[in-house]
Amino acid sequence: MRFLSVCSGIEAASVAWHPLGWRAVAFSEIETFPSAVLAHHYPDVPNLGDIVATPFLGIGSEAYVAVEMGRRAIGAELKRSYYEQAVRNVASIHEARTADLFAA
């Protein structure tokens, strides 16, 4: 199992889940000391820094604003139609920025 660790701290989750074969594919930590600990113990695992985590994604309004402000966002949504709309909404930011590059 692979996981993204959010609010990683010094990463107790990786230590606890290692015997189960789970491994972190990335961390999300912004504090200096925990980030240094992570870099020392997990040099091959990237620290993505600040991530907005939305446990109830809905149509992606919170994720949309986060990405619009230059931040990363992740979310969980049970209803497939909401998830698909959230993906379209967040993708529209990229499309709008790309269109601006070619505007006269």
N, C-alpha and C. Protein backbone atom coordinates (compact mmCIF):
# COMPACT_ATOMS: atom_id res chain seq x y z
N MET A 1 0.85 -1.17 0.00
CA MET A 1 0.00 0.00 0.00
C MET A 1 0.90 1.23 0.00
N ARG A 2 0.52 2.21 -0.79
CA ARG A 2 1.23 3.48 -0.83
C ARG A 2 0.28 4.57 -0.34
N PHE A 3 0.81 5.58 0.34
CA PHE A 3 -0.04 6.64 0.86
C PHE A 3 0.67 7.98 0.82
N LEU A 4 -0.14 9.04 0.81
CA LEU A 4 0.35 10.41 0.93
C LEU A 4 0.12 10.81 2.38
N SER A 5 1.17 11.20 3.06
CA SER A 5 1.07 11.58 4.46
C SER A 5 0.83 13.09 4.55
N VAL A 6 -0.33 13.47 5.12
CA VAL A 6 -0.68 14.88 5.28
C VAL A 6 -0.48 15.26 6.75
N CYS A 7 0.04 16.46 6.99
CA CYS A 7 0.38 16.89 8.36
C CYS A 7 1.33 15.86 8.96
N SER A 8 2.42 15.61 8.26
CA SER A 8 3.30 14.48 8.53
C SER A 8 4.02 14.51 9.87
N GLY A 9 4.35 15.69 10.36
CA GLY A 9 5.14 15.75 11.59
C GLY A 9 6.46 15.04 11.37
N ILE A 10 6.89 14.23 12.33
CA ILE A 10 8.14 13.48 12.15
C ILE A 10 7.85 12.08 11.61
N GLU A 11 6.64 11.87 11.18
CA GLU A 11 6.18 10.71 10.43
C GLU A 11 6.12 9.43 11.22
N ALA A 12 5.32 9.43 12.27
CA ALA A 12 5.05 8.23 13.05
C ALA A 12 4.28 7.20 12.21
N ALA A 13 3.46 7.68 11.28
CA ALA A 13 2.66 6.76 10.46
C ALA A 13 3.55 5.82 9.66
N SER A 14 4.60 6.34 9.06
CA SER A 14 5.49 5.48 8.26
C SER A 14 6.17 4.43 9.13
N VAL A 15 6.55 4.81 10.33
CA VAL A 15 7.18 3.85 11.24
C VAL A 15 6.17 2.77 11.64
N ALA A 16 4.95 3.19 11.97
CA ALA A 16 3.92 2.24 12.41
C ALA A 16 3.48 1.31 11.29
N TRP A 17 3.37 1.84 10.09
CA TRP A 17 2.83 1.05 8.99
C TRP A 17 3.89 0.28 8.19
N HIS A 18 5.15 0.53 8.46
CA HIS A 18 6.23 -0.16 7.74
C HIS A 18 6.11 -1.69 7.84
N PRO A 19 5.84 -2.26 9.02
CA PRO A 19 5.71 -3.72 9.10
C PRO A 19 4.58 -4.29 8.24
N LEU A 20 3.61 -3.45 7.90
CA LEU A 20 2.50 -3.89 7.05
C LEU A 20 2.81 -3.79 5.56
N GLY A 21 3.99 -3.23 5.25
CA GLY A 21 4.37 -3.07 3.86
C GLY A 21 3.89 -1.76 3.24
N TRP A 22 3.35 -0.87 4.06
CA TRP A 22 2.89 0.42 3.55
C TRP A 22 4.07 1.38 3.46
N ARG A 23 4.04 2.26 2.45
CA ARG A 23 5.11 3.26 2.36
C ARG A 23 4.56 4.58 1.84
N ALA A 24 5.12 5.64 2.36
CA ALA A 24 4.69 6.98 1.96
C ALA A 24 5.30 7.31 0.59
N VAL A 25 4.48 7.85 -0.30
CA VAL A 25 4.98 8.29 -1.60
C VAL A 25 5.31 9.78 -1.57
N ALA A 26 4.76 10.49 -0.58
CA ALA A 26 5.06 11.91 -0.39
C ALA A 26 4.59 12.33 0.99
N PHE A 27 5.21 13.40 1.49
CA PHE A 27 4.82 13.99 2.76
C PHE A 27 4.27 15.38 2.50
N SER A 28 3.53 15.89 3.49
CA SER A 28 3.05 17.26 3.46
C SER A 28 3.33 17.87 4.83
N GLU A 29 4.45 18.54 4.93
CA GLU A 29 4.85 19.16 6.20
C GLU A 29 5.46 20.52 5.93
N ILE A 30 5.07 21.53 6.73
CA ILE A 30 5.59 22.89 6.49
C ILE A 30 6.52 23.37 7.60
N GLU A 31 6.51 22.72 8.75
CA GLU A 31 7.36 23.16 9.86
C GLU A 31 8.81 22.75 9.64
N THR A 32 9.74 23.60 10.07
CA THR A 32 11.17 23.41 9.81
C THR A 32 11.74 22.14 10.42
N PHE A 33 11.56 21.93 11.72
CA PHE A 33 12.17 20.77 12.37
C PHE A 33 11.64 19.45 11.82
N PRO A 34 10.30 19.25 11.76
CA PRO A 34 9.82 17.99 11.19
C PRO A 34 10.27 17.78 9.74
N SER A 35 10.33 18.86 8.97
CA SER A 35 10.78 18.74 7.56
C SER A 35 12.22 18.25 7.50
N ALA A 36 13.07 18.74 8.42
CA ALA A 36 14.46 18.29 8.46
C ALA A 36 14.56 16.82 8.84
N VAL A 37 13.73 16.39 9.80
CA VAL A 37 13.71 14.98 10.21
C VAL A 37 13.28 14.10 9.03
N LEU A 38 12.24 14.53 8.34
CA LEU A 38 11.76 13.76 7.17
C LEU A 38 12.85 13.66 6.11
N ALA A 39 13.51 14.77 5.80
CA ALA A 39 14.56 14.77 4.78
C ALA A 39 15.71 13.85 5.16
N HIS A 40 16.02 13.80 6.46
CA HIS A 40 17.11 12.94 6.92
C HIS A 40 16.75 11.46 6.84
N HIS A 41 15.56 11.10 7.30
CA HIS A 41 15.17 9.69 7.37
C HIS A 41 14.56 9.15 6.08
N TYR A 42 14.01 10.04 5.25
CA TYR A 42 13.35 9.61 4.01
C TYR A 42 13.83 10.48 2.85
N PRO A 43 15.11 10.40 2.51
CA PRO A 43 15.65 11.31 1.48
C PRO A 43 15.04 11.14 0.08
N ASP A 44 14.46 9.98 -0.19
CA ASP A 44 13.89 9.73 -1.52
C ASP A 44 12.40 10.02 -1.60
N VAL A 45 11.80 10.47 -0.49
CA VAL A 45 10.37 10.77 -0.47
C VAL A 45 10.19 12.29 -0.48
N PRO A 46 9.51 12.84 -1.48
CA PRO A 46 9.36 14.30 -1.55
C PRO A 46 8.43 14.85 -0.47
N ASN A 47 8.78 16.05 0.00
CA ASN A 47 7.92 16.79 0.91
C ASN A 47 7.22 17.86 0.08
N LEU A 48 5.93 17.72 -0.13
CA LEU A 48 5.18 18.64 -0.98
C LEU A 48 4.84 19.95 -0.29
N GLY A 49 5.13 20.04 1.01
CA GLY A 49 4.85 21.28 1.72
C GLY A 49 3.37 21.45 1.99
N ASP A 50 2.88 22.66 1.79
CA ASP A 50 1.52 23.03 2.13
C ASP A 50 0.50 22.38 1.18
N ILE A 51 -0.45 21.66 1.75
CA ILE A 51 -1.54 21.06 0.97
C ILE A 51 -2.85 21.32 1.71
N VAL A 52 -3.86 21.76 0.97
CA VAL A 52 -5.20 21.91 1.54
C VAL A 52 -5.89 20.55 1.41
N ALA A 53 -6.25 19.96 2.53
CA ALA A 53 -6.92 18.66 2.54
C ALA A 53 -8.40 18.87 2.81
N THR A 54 -9.22 18.37 1.90
CA THR A 54 -10.67 18.54 2.01
C THR A 54 -11.32 17.16 2.11
N PRO A 55 -11.76 16.78 3.32
CA PRO A 55 -12.34 15.45 3.47
C PRO A 55 -13.69 15.27 2.78
N PHE A 56 -14.38 16.37 2.51
CA PHE A 56 -15.65 16.32 1.78
C PHE A 56 -15.51 17.24 0.57
N LEU A 57 -15.01 16.69 -0.53
CA LEU A 57 -14.63 17.47 -1.70
C LEU A 57 -15.80 18.17 -2.37
N GLY A 58 -16.94 17.51 -2.42
CA GLY A 58 -18.08 18.11 -3.13
C GLY A 58 -17.73 18.36 -4.58
N ILE A 59 -18.09 19.53 -5.10
CA ILE A 59 -17.77 19.84 -6.51
C ILE A 59 -16.44 20.58 -6.63
N GLY A 60 -15.68 20.61 -5.54
CA GLY A 60 -14.32 21.11 -5.61
C GLY A 60 -14.13 22.59 -5.33
N SER A 61 -15.10 23.24 -4.71
CA SER A 61 -14.99 24.68 -4.46
C SER A 61 -13.75 25.03 -3.65
N GLU A 62 -13.53 24.30 -2.56
CA GLU A 62 -12.37 24.59 -1.70
C GLU A 62 -11.07 24.28 -2.44
N ALA A 63 -11.03 23.17 -3.15
CA ALA A 63 -9.84 22.82 -3.93
C ALA A 63 -9.60 23.85 -5.02
N TYR A 64 -10.66 24.32 -5.65
CA TYR A 64 -10.55 25.32 -6.71
C TYR A 64 -9.87 26.58 -6.17
N VAL A 65 -10.34 27.07 -5.04
CA VAL A 65 -9.77 28.29 -4.45
C VAL A 65 -8.31 28.05 -4.05
N ALA A 66 -8.02 26.90 -3.49
CA ALA A 66 -6.65 26.59 -3.09
C ALA A 66 -5.72 26.63 -4.30
N VAL A 67 -6.11 25.97 -5.37
CA VAL A 67 -5.28 25.93 -6.57
C VAL A 67 -5.18 27.33 -7.20
N GLU A 68 -6.28 28.05 -7.19
CA GLU A 68 -6.28 29.42 -7.72
C GLU A 68 -5.28 30.29 -6.96
N MET A 69 -5.10 30.01 -5.67
CA MET A 69 -4.17 30.77 -4.84
C MET A 69 -2.75 30.20 -4.88
N GLY A 70 -2.51 29.22 -5.76
CA GLY A 70 -1.18 28.66 -5.91
C GLY A 70 -0.82 27.57 -4.92
N ARG A 71 -1.81 27.00 -4.27
CA ARG A 71 -1.57 25.94 -3.30
C ARG A 71 -2.01 24.60 -3.88
N ARG A 72 -1.53 23.53 -3.28
CA ARG A 72 -1.94 22.18 -3.68
C ARG A 72 -3.18 21.80 -2.89
N ALA A 73 -3.97 20.90 -3.45
CA ALA A 73 -5.18 20.45 -2.76
C ALA A 73 -5.43 18.98 -3.04
N ILE A 74 -5.95 18.30 -2.03
CA ILE A 74 -6.42 16.93 -2.19
C ILE A 74 -7.79 16.85 -1.54
N GLY A 75 -8.58 15.89 -1.96
CA GLY A 75 -9.90 15.76 -1.38
C GLY A 75 -10.45 14.36 -1.56
N ALA A 76 -11.49 14.07 -0.82
CA ALA A 76 -12.17 12.79 -0.91
C ALA A 76 -13.65 13.05 -1.14
N GLU A 77 -14.23 12.29 -2.04
CA GLU A 77 -15.65 12.44 -2.34
C GLU A 77 -16.22 11.08 -2.71
N LEU A 78 -17.32 10.70 -2.07
CA LEU A 78 -17.94 9.41 -2.36
C LEU A 78 -18.81 9.43 -3.62
N LYS A 79 -19.44 10.56 -3.89
CA LYS A 79 -20.36 10.64 -5.02
C LYS A 79 -19.57 10.92 -6.30
N ARG A 80 -19.61 9.98 -7.23
CA ARG A 80 -18.80 10.08 -8.44
C ARG A 80 -19.10 11.34 -9.25
N SER A 81 -20.36 11.72 -9.37
CA SER A 81 -20.69 12.90 -10.17
C SER A 81 -20.09 14.17 -9.56
N TYR A 82 -20.04 14.26 -8.25
CA TYR A 82 -19.41 15.41 -7.59
C TYR A 82 -17.91 15.41 -7.85
N TYR A 83 -17.30 14.23 -7.72
CA TYR A 83 -15.87 14.11 -7.98
C TYR A 83 -15.53 14.55 -9.41
N GLU A 84 -16.29 14.05 -10.37
CA GLU A 84 -16.03 14.40 -11.77
C GLU A 84 -16.19 15.90 -12.00
N GLN A 85 -17.18 16.52 -11.36
CA GLN A 85 -17.36 17.97 -11.49
C GLN A 85 -16.19 18.70 -10.83
N ALA A 86 -15.72 18.21 -9.70
CA ALA A 86 -14.57 18.83 -9.03
C ALA A 86 -13.34 18.79 -9.93
N VAL A 87 -13.11 17.67 -10.59
CA VAL A 87 -11.97 17.56 -11.51
C VAL A 87 -12.11 18.57 -12.64
N ARG A 88 -13.30 18.70 -13.20
CA ARG A 88 -13.52 19.69 -14.28
C ARG A 88 -13.30 21.11 -13.76
N ASN A 89 -13.81 21.40 -12.57
CA ASN A 89 -13.66 22.75 -12.03
C ASN A 89 -12.20 23.13 -11.81
N VAL A 90 -11.44 22.24 -11.19
CA VAL A 90 -10.04 22.53 -10.94
C VAL A 90 -9.25 22.57 -12.25
N ALA A 91 -9.57 21.69 -13.18
CA ALA A 91 -8.88 21.70 -14.48
C ALA A 91 -9.15 22.99 -15.24
N SER A 92 -10.29 23.62 -15.00
CA SER A 92 -10.60 24.86 -15.71
C SER A 92 -9.63 25.98 -15.35
N ILE A 93 -9.03 25.92 -14.17
CA ILE A 93 -8.03 26.92 -13.80
C ILE A 93 -6.85 26.84 -14.75
N HIS A 94 -6.37 25.63 -14.98
CA HIS A 94 -5.24 25.43 -15.90
C HIS A 94 -5.60 25.89 -17.31
N GLU A 95 -6.80 25.53 -17.75
CA GLU A 95 -7.23 25.93 -19.09
C GLU A 95 -7.30 27.45 -19.22
N ALA A 96 -7.81 28.12 -18.20
CA ALA A 96 -7.90 29.59 -18.23
C ALA A 96 -6.52 30.22 -18.26
N ARG A 97 -5.60 29.69 -17.49
CA ARG A 97 -4.23 30.25 -17.46
C ARG A 97 -3.54 30.02 -18.79
N THR A 98 -3.75 28.85 -19.39
CA THR A 98 -3.14 28.56 -20.69
C THR A 98 -3.73 29.50 -21.76
N ALA A 99 -5.03 29.73 -21.71
CA ALA A 99 -5.66 30.63 -22.67
C ALA A 99 -5.12 32.05 -22.54
N ASP A 100 -4.84 32.48 -21.31
CA ASP A 100 -4.29 33.82 -21.08
C ASP A 100 -2.92 33.99 -21.74
N LEU A 101 -2.16 32.91 -21.83
CA LEU A 101 -0.83 32.99 -22.45
C LEU A 101 -0.91 33.36 -23.92
N PHE A 102 -2.02 32.98 -24.57
CA PHE A 102 -2.16 33.21 -26.00
C PHE A 102 -3.12 34.34 -26.34
N ALA A 103 -3.61 35.04 -25.34
CA ALA A 103 -4.52 36.16 -25.59
C ALA A 103 -3.75 37.32 -26.24
N ALA A 104 -4.44 38.02 -27.10
CA ALA A 104 -3.80 39.14 -27.81
C ALA A 104 -3.69 40.36 -26.93
